């Protein structure tokens, strides 16, 4: 699985400025994304949340608690489009979840290997930031119906997948959002604060 895309032509290297924020559901990813956006960075909202909002407004069939496979396939399509839209970015672009997360969900739902879903696709930046399980801030809502135990199980699947894919995993500290944003930016190469 590893770094199969590391020798791709230069045009794909620009995609290495795409940084994934992943990890435990309800762990503060969206709040961190909002802070990074406030600081002037391009950000991409979580495909899953967008799909759930669309499905709840429409016919509601591609919801993760109804049809995880359909949901994951839609998330893969949306995540690919998000990357295409941001392909020419000159600065960091932060993705709230995205393609790898969707591939993990598809494997969980169907057994289709993550490596098969990601085959031929450009890698993200080598450093991936994961929000750890944080029971004190975890909340359910209309779009997040799973339990904390289910969220923790997903976190472990994601952690294992990113490690197997050769990404450098940095687990975000449980602290306020400004310090989390500083942690992310200090961890990226050559970024002055």
Protein backbone atom coordinates (compact mmCIF):
# COMPACT_ATOMS: atom_id res chain seq x y z
CA UNK A 1 0.00 0.00 0.00
CA UNK A 2 2.64 2.60 0.98
CA UNK A 3 3.82 5.45 -1.22
CA UNK A 4 2.83 4.21 -4.67
CA UNK A 5 2.12 7.77 -5.87
CA UNK A 6 5.35 9.40 -4.62
CA UNK A 7 6.98 9.25 -8.08
CA UNK A 8 4.07 10.79 -9.97
CA UNK A 9 4.68 13.80 -12.27
CA UNK A 10 5.03 17.30 -10.82
CA UNK A 11 1.39 18.30 -11.44
CA UNK A 12 0.29 15.77 -8.82
CA UNK A 13 2.75 17.14 -6.26
CA UNK A 14 0.64 20.25 -5.83
CA UNK A 15 -1.99 17.95 -4.34
CA UNK A 16 0.47 17.22 -1.52
CA UNK A 17 -0.57 20.58 -0.10
CA UNK A 18 -3.88 18.87 0.69
CA UNK A 19 -3.94 18.09 4.42
CA UNK A 20 -6.40 15.69 6.02
CA UNK A 21 -8.08 16.31 9.36
CA UNK A 22 -9.59 12.99 10.36
CA UNK A 23 -10.15 10.90 13.45
CA UNK A 24 -12.90 10.39 15.96
CA UNK A 25 -16.32 11.72 15.14
CA UNK A 26 -17.29 14.47 17.54
CA UNK A 27 -13.63 15.19 18.37
CA UNK A 28 -13.52 18.79 17.16
CA UNK A 29 -12.50 18.53 13.48
CA UNK A 30 -15.12 20.95 12.21
CA UNK A 31 -14.30 23.49 14.91
CA UNK A 32 -10.61 23.25 13.95
CA UNK A 33 -11.47 23.61 10.26
CA UNK A 34 -13.44 26.77 11.06
CA UNK A 35 -10.43 28.20 12.91
CA UNK A 36 -8.09 27.41 10.01
CA UNK A 37 -10.57 29.06 7.64
CA UNK A 38 -10.68 32.11 9.94
CA UNK A 39 -6.89 32.28 9.64
CA UNK A 40 -7.17 32.53 5.86
CA UNK A 41 -6.63 28.96 4.69
CA UNK A 42 -8.76 27.17 2.14
CA UNK A 43 -10.85 24.48 3.79
CA UNK A 44 -13.14 21.72 2.56
CA UNK A 45 -16.13 20.65 4.62
CA UNK A 46 -16.68 16.99 5.45
CA UNK A 47 -18.34 15.11 2.56
CA UNK A 48 -20.34 12.97 4.99
CA UNK A 49 -22.04 15.92 6.65
CA UNK A 50 -22.89 17.44 3.26
CA UNK A 51 -24.32 14.14 2.02
CA UNK A 52 -26.41 13.64 5.15
CA UNK A 53 -27.83 17.18 4.82
CA UNK A 54 -28.70 16.55 1.16
CA UNK A 55 -30.24 13.15 1.85
CA UNK A 56 -32.30 14.38 4.80
CA UNK A 57 -33.65 17.14 2.56
CA UNK A 58 -34.32 14.67 -0.27
CA UNK A 59 -35.19 10.98 -0.35
CA UNK A 60 -32.83 9.93 2.46
CA UNK A 61 -31.54 6.64 1.02
CA UNK A 62 -27.75 7.24 1.08
CA UNK A 63 -27.56 7.81 4.82
CA UNK A 64 -24.87 5.94 6.78
CA UNK A 65 -27.42 4.43 9.18
CA UNK A 66 -29.58 3.22 6.25
CA UNK A 67 -27.14 2.26 3.45
CA UNK A 68 -23.47 2.68 4.39
CA UNK A 69 -22.29 1.43 0.99
CA UNK A 70 -24.32 4.03 -0.94
CA UNK A 71 -23.20 6.70 1.51
CA UNK A 72 -19.50 5.76 1.14
CA UNK A 73 -19.72 5.69 -2.67
CA UNK A 74 -21.25 9.19 -2.68
CA UNK A 75 -18.54 10.36 -0.27
CA UNK A 76 -15.83 8.99 -2.58
CA UNK A 77 -17.30 10.86 -5.57
CA UNK A 78 -17.66 14.07 -3.56
CA UNK A 79 -14.13 13.79 -2.14
CA UNK A 80 -12.67 13.29 -5.63
CA UNK A 81 -14.49 16.40 -6.84
CA UNK A 82 -13.24 18.36 -3.82
CA UNK A 83 -9.67 17.45 -4.69
CA UNK A 84 -10.11 18.40 -8.35
CA UNK A 85 -11.54 21.78 -7.38
CA UNK A 86 -8.54 22.45 -5.13
CA UNK A 87 -5.84 20.90 -7.33
CA UNK A 88 -4.16 24.21 -8.21
CA UNK A 89 -3.90 25.50 -4.63
CA UNK A 90 -0.58 27.17 -3.84
CA UNK A 91 -1.02 27.08 -0.06
CA UNK A 92 -2.28 24.46 2.38
CA UNK A 93 -5.83 23.22 1.89
CA UNK A 94 -7.40 21.49 4.88
CA UNK A 95 -9.92 18.71 4.32
CA UNK A 96 -12.39 17.68 7.03
CA UNK A 97 -12.20 13.95 6.33
CA UNK A 98 -12.37 13.08 2.64
CA UNK A 99 -11.24 10.36 0.28
CA UNK A 100 -9.35 8.06 2.66
CA UNK A 101 -12.14 8.21 5.24
CA UNK A 102 -14.68 7.32 2.55
CA UNK A 103 -12.52 4.40 1.38
CA UNK A 104 -12.33 3.13 4.97
CA UNK A 105 -16.12 3.36 5.26
CA UNK A 106 -16.57 1.49 1.97
CA UNK A 107 -14.22 -1.28 3.10
CA UNK A 108 -16.10 -1.54 6.40
CA UNK A 109 -19.45 -1.76 4.56
CA UNK A 110 -18.48 -4.04 1.67
CA UNK A 111 -15.01 -5.49 2.14
CA UNK A 112 -13.68 -3.60 -0.92
CA UNK A 113 -10.04 -2.97 -0.05
CA UNK A 114 -8.97 0.59 0.67
CA UNK A 115 -6.00 0.13 -1.66
CA UNK A 116 -8.39 -0.74 -4.51
CA UNK A 117 -10.47 2.40 -3.95
CA UNK A 118 -7.39 4.64 -3.74
CA UNK A 119 -5.48 3.02 -6.61
CA UNK A 120 -4.20 5.62 -9.07
CA UNK A 121 -5.24 8.58 -6.93
CA UNK A 122 -2.75 11.16 -5.73
CA UNK A 123 -1.77 10.99 -2.10
CA UNK A 124 -2.49 13.72 0.42
CA UNK A 125 0.23 15.46 2.41
CA UNK A 126 2.21 12.89 4.40
CA UNK A 127 1.13 14.33 7.76
CA UNK A 128 -2.41 13.47 8.77
CA UNK A 129 -4.00 15.02 11.84
CA UNK A 130 -6.35 12.82 13.86
CA UNK A 131 -8.75 13.99 16.54
CA UNK A 132 -8.69 11.43 19.35
CA UNK A 133 -11.81 10.20 21.09
CA UNK A 134 -12.92 13.01 23.42
CA UNK A 135 -16.00 11.88 25.39
CA UNK A 136 -16.35 15.25 27.13
CA UNK A 137 -17.20 17.06 23.88
CA UNK A 138 -18.85 14.24 21.89
CA UNK A 139 -22.48 15.06 21.03
CA UNK A 140 -25.11 13.44 18.84
CA UNK A 141 -27.28 15.50 16.54
CA UNK A 142 -29.60 14.91 13.59
CA UNK A 143 -26.62 14.26 11.32
CA UNK A 144 -24.49 12.29 13.82
CA UNK A 145 -26.60 9.42 15.12
CA UNK A 146 -23.93 6.91 16.07
CA UNK A 147 -22.77 6.26 19.63
CA UNK A 148 -19.43 7.20 21.12
CA UNK A 149 -18.46 3.51 21.07
CA UNK A 150 -19.16 3.37 17.32
CA UNK A 151 -17.17 6.58 16.82
CA UNK A 152 -14.22 5.11 18.74
CA UNK A 153 -14.33 1.92 16.64
CA UNK A 154 -14.26 4.08 13.49
CA UNK A 155 -11.30 6.03 14.92
CA UNK A 156 -9.33 2.80 15.32
CA UNK A 157 -10.17 1.73 11.74
CA UNK A 158 -9.00 5.11 10.44
CA UNK A 159 -5.81 5.12 12.51
CA UNK A 160 -4.92 1.63 11.24
CA UNK A 161 -5.70 2.57 7.64
CA UNK A 162 -3.61 5.76 7.63
CA UNK A 163 -0.71 3.88 9.23
CA UNK A 164 -0.97 1.07 6.64
CA UNK A 165 -1.01 3.64 3.85
CA UNK A 166 2.27 5.11 5.12
CA UNK A 167 1.00 8.46 6.39
CA UNK A 168 2.62 10.16 9.39
CA UNK A 169 -0.13 10.34 11.99
CA UNK A 170 -0.20 13.25 14.40
CA UNK A 171 -2.86 12.97 17.08
CA UNK A 172 -4.23 16.38 18.00
CA UNK A 173 -3.99 17.45 21.63
CA UNK A 174 -7.18 17.81 23.65
CA UNK A 175 -6.96 21.56 24.05
CA UNK A 176 -8.65 24.73 22.84
CA UNK A 177 -9.08 25.33 19.13
CA UNK A 178 -6.46 28.09 18.83
CA UNK A 179 -3.78 25.81 20.31
CA UNK A 180 -4.91 22.97 18.06
CA UNK A 181 -4.61 25.20 14.99
CA UNK A 182 -1.14 26.33 16.12
CA UNK A 183 -0.16 22.66 16.58
CA UNK A 184 -1.26 21.83 13.02
CA UNK A 185 0.52 24.79 11.46
CA UNK A 186 3.75 24.27 13.44
CA UNK A 187 3.76 20.63 12.33
CA UNK A 188 3.67 21.45 8.62
CA UNK A 189 7.04 21.99 6.93
CA UNK A 190 8.33 25.52 6.48
CA UNK A 191 5.26 27.24 7.82
CA UNK A 192 6.12 30.34 9.87
CA UNK A 193 3.71 31.32 12.65
